Protein backbone atom coordinates (compact mmCIF):
# COMPACT_ATOMS: atom_id res chain seq x y z
CA MET A 1 50.19 71.23 -0.24
CA LEU A 2 47.86 72.53 -2.97
CA GLU A 3 48.74 72.55 -6.67
CA VAL A 4 46.60 74.62 -9.04
CA THR A 5 46.73 73.76 -12.75
CA ILE A 6 44.94 75.84 -15.38
CA GLY A 7 43.15 74.11 -18.26
CA LYS A 8 43.27 70.58 -19.64
CA GLU A 9 46.76 69.87 -18.26
CA GLY A 10 45.22 69.45 -14.81
CA LEU A 11 42.70 66.76 -15.74
CA ARG A 12 45.13 64.04 -14.62
CA ARG A 13 45.77 65.71 -11.24
CA THR A 14 43.28 63.47 -9.46
CA TRP A 15 43.16 60.76 -6.81
CA GLN A 16 40.92 58.54 -8.93
CA GLU A 17 40.05 58.50 -12.63
CA GLU A 18 40.93 61.46 -14.86
CA PHE A 19 38.51 64.40 -14.77
CA PRO A 20 36.51 64.99 -18.00
CA GLU A 21 37.16 68.04 -20.23
CA THR A 22 33.48 69.02 -19.92
CA THR A 23 30.63 68.27 -17.57
CA GLU A 24 26.97 69.23 -17.26
CA CYS A 25 26.28 72.57 -15.55
CA VAL A 26 24.49 72.07 -12.24
CA HIS A 27 22.64 75.37 -12.74
CA CYS A 28 21.26 75.22 -16.31
CA GLN A 29 22.36 71.77 -17.61
CA GLY A 30 24.47 73.45 -20.31
CA GLU A 31 28.02 72.41 -21.16
CA SER A 32 30.67 73.42 -18.64
CA ARG A 33 34.33 73.50 -19.72
CA ILE A 34 37.36 72.92 -17.50
CA GLY A 35 38.83 76.05 -15.95
CA PHE A 36 41.33 74.73 -13.43
CA THR A 37 42.07 71.92 -11.00
CA VAL A 38 43.29 71.98 -7.42
CA PHE A 39 45.19 68.92 -6.21
CA GLU A 40 45.85 68.51 -2.49
CA HIS A 41 48.53 66.10 -1.34
CA PRO A 42 50.85 65.58 1.63
CA ALA A 43 54.07 65.24 -0.43
CA GLY A 44 56.66 67.91 0.30
CA VAL A 45 55.06 68.93 3.59
CA SER A 46 57.67 69.02 6.33
CA LEU A 47 57.01 68.53 10.02
CA VAL A 48 57.79 72.22 10.59
CA GLN A 49 55.10 73.45 8.19
CA ASP A 50 51.38 73.62 8.91
CA ARG A 51 49.96 70.18 8.07
CA ARG A 52 46.31 71.24 7.75
CA PHE A 53 44.23 69.83 4.95
CA VAL A 54 40.71 70.61 3.70
CA CYS A 55 39.50 67.43 5.44
CA ASP A 56 40.67 68.96 8.76
CA LEU A 57 38.25 71.90 8.55
CA HIS A 58 35.13 70.01 9.70
CA PRO A 59 34.36 66.56 11.10
CA ASN A 60 32.91 63.87 8.83
CA ASP A 61 29.88 63.15 11.00
CA PRO A 62 26.97 61.77 8.89
CA GLY A 63 24.81 61.18 11.96
CA GLY A 64 25.34 64.66 13.40
CA GLU A 65 27.00 67.65 11.75
CA GLY A 66 26.87 66.06 8.27
CA TYR A 67 29.21 64.71 5.64
CA TRP A 68 32.67 66.13 5.01
CA LEU A 69 35.85 65.05 3.23
CA HIS A 70 37.80 62.22 4.84
CA ASP A 71 41.15 62.53 3.00
CA CYS A 72 43.19 64.65 0.56
CA VAL A 73 41.01 66.08 -2.21
CA ALA A 74 41.27 66.87 -5.92
CA VAL A 75 38.81 69.40 -7.35
CA ALA A 76 38.09 70.33 -10.97
CA VAL A 77 36.27 73.64 -11.53
CA TYR A 78 34.27 74.15 -14.72
CA PHE A 79 32.54 77.23 -16.17
CA CYS A 80 29.33 77.00 -18.18
CA ARG A 81 29.20 78.15 -21.82
CA GLU A 82 25.54 79.17 -21.39
CA CYS A 83 25.29 80.86 -17.96
CA LEU A 84 28.96 81.12 -16.86
CA GLU A 85 28.16 79.65 -13.45
CA ALA A 86 30.71 77.31 -11.87
CA THR A 87 30.36 73.55 -11.42
CA ALA A 88 32.88 71.48 -9.49
CA LEU A 89 33.75 67.78 -9.51
CA TYR A 90 35.94 66.24 -6.83
CA ASN A 91 37.40 63.00 -5.54
CA GLN A 92 39.51 61.90 -2.59
CA ALA A 93 42.57 59.78 -1.93
């Protein structure tokens, strides 16, 4: 199940510590402000529904195909004040 939350209200929708309100832009090093968060979790998923998660899309195979998520994910998406490019922070359960 994915929950999308717009703005600062979503900063606590995380598997680890709270996401910051701003972060450095990975494109121009400007200030990026929170846009929205996406929180993935297994709660409310019945056995009848599709139980796919983002971590199911690719194998986590550091020695071969490369790194991938190993569990449910939380993602915060930020937009830069200077260049308007997106920067994302994430963590896992």
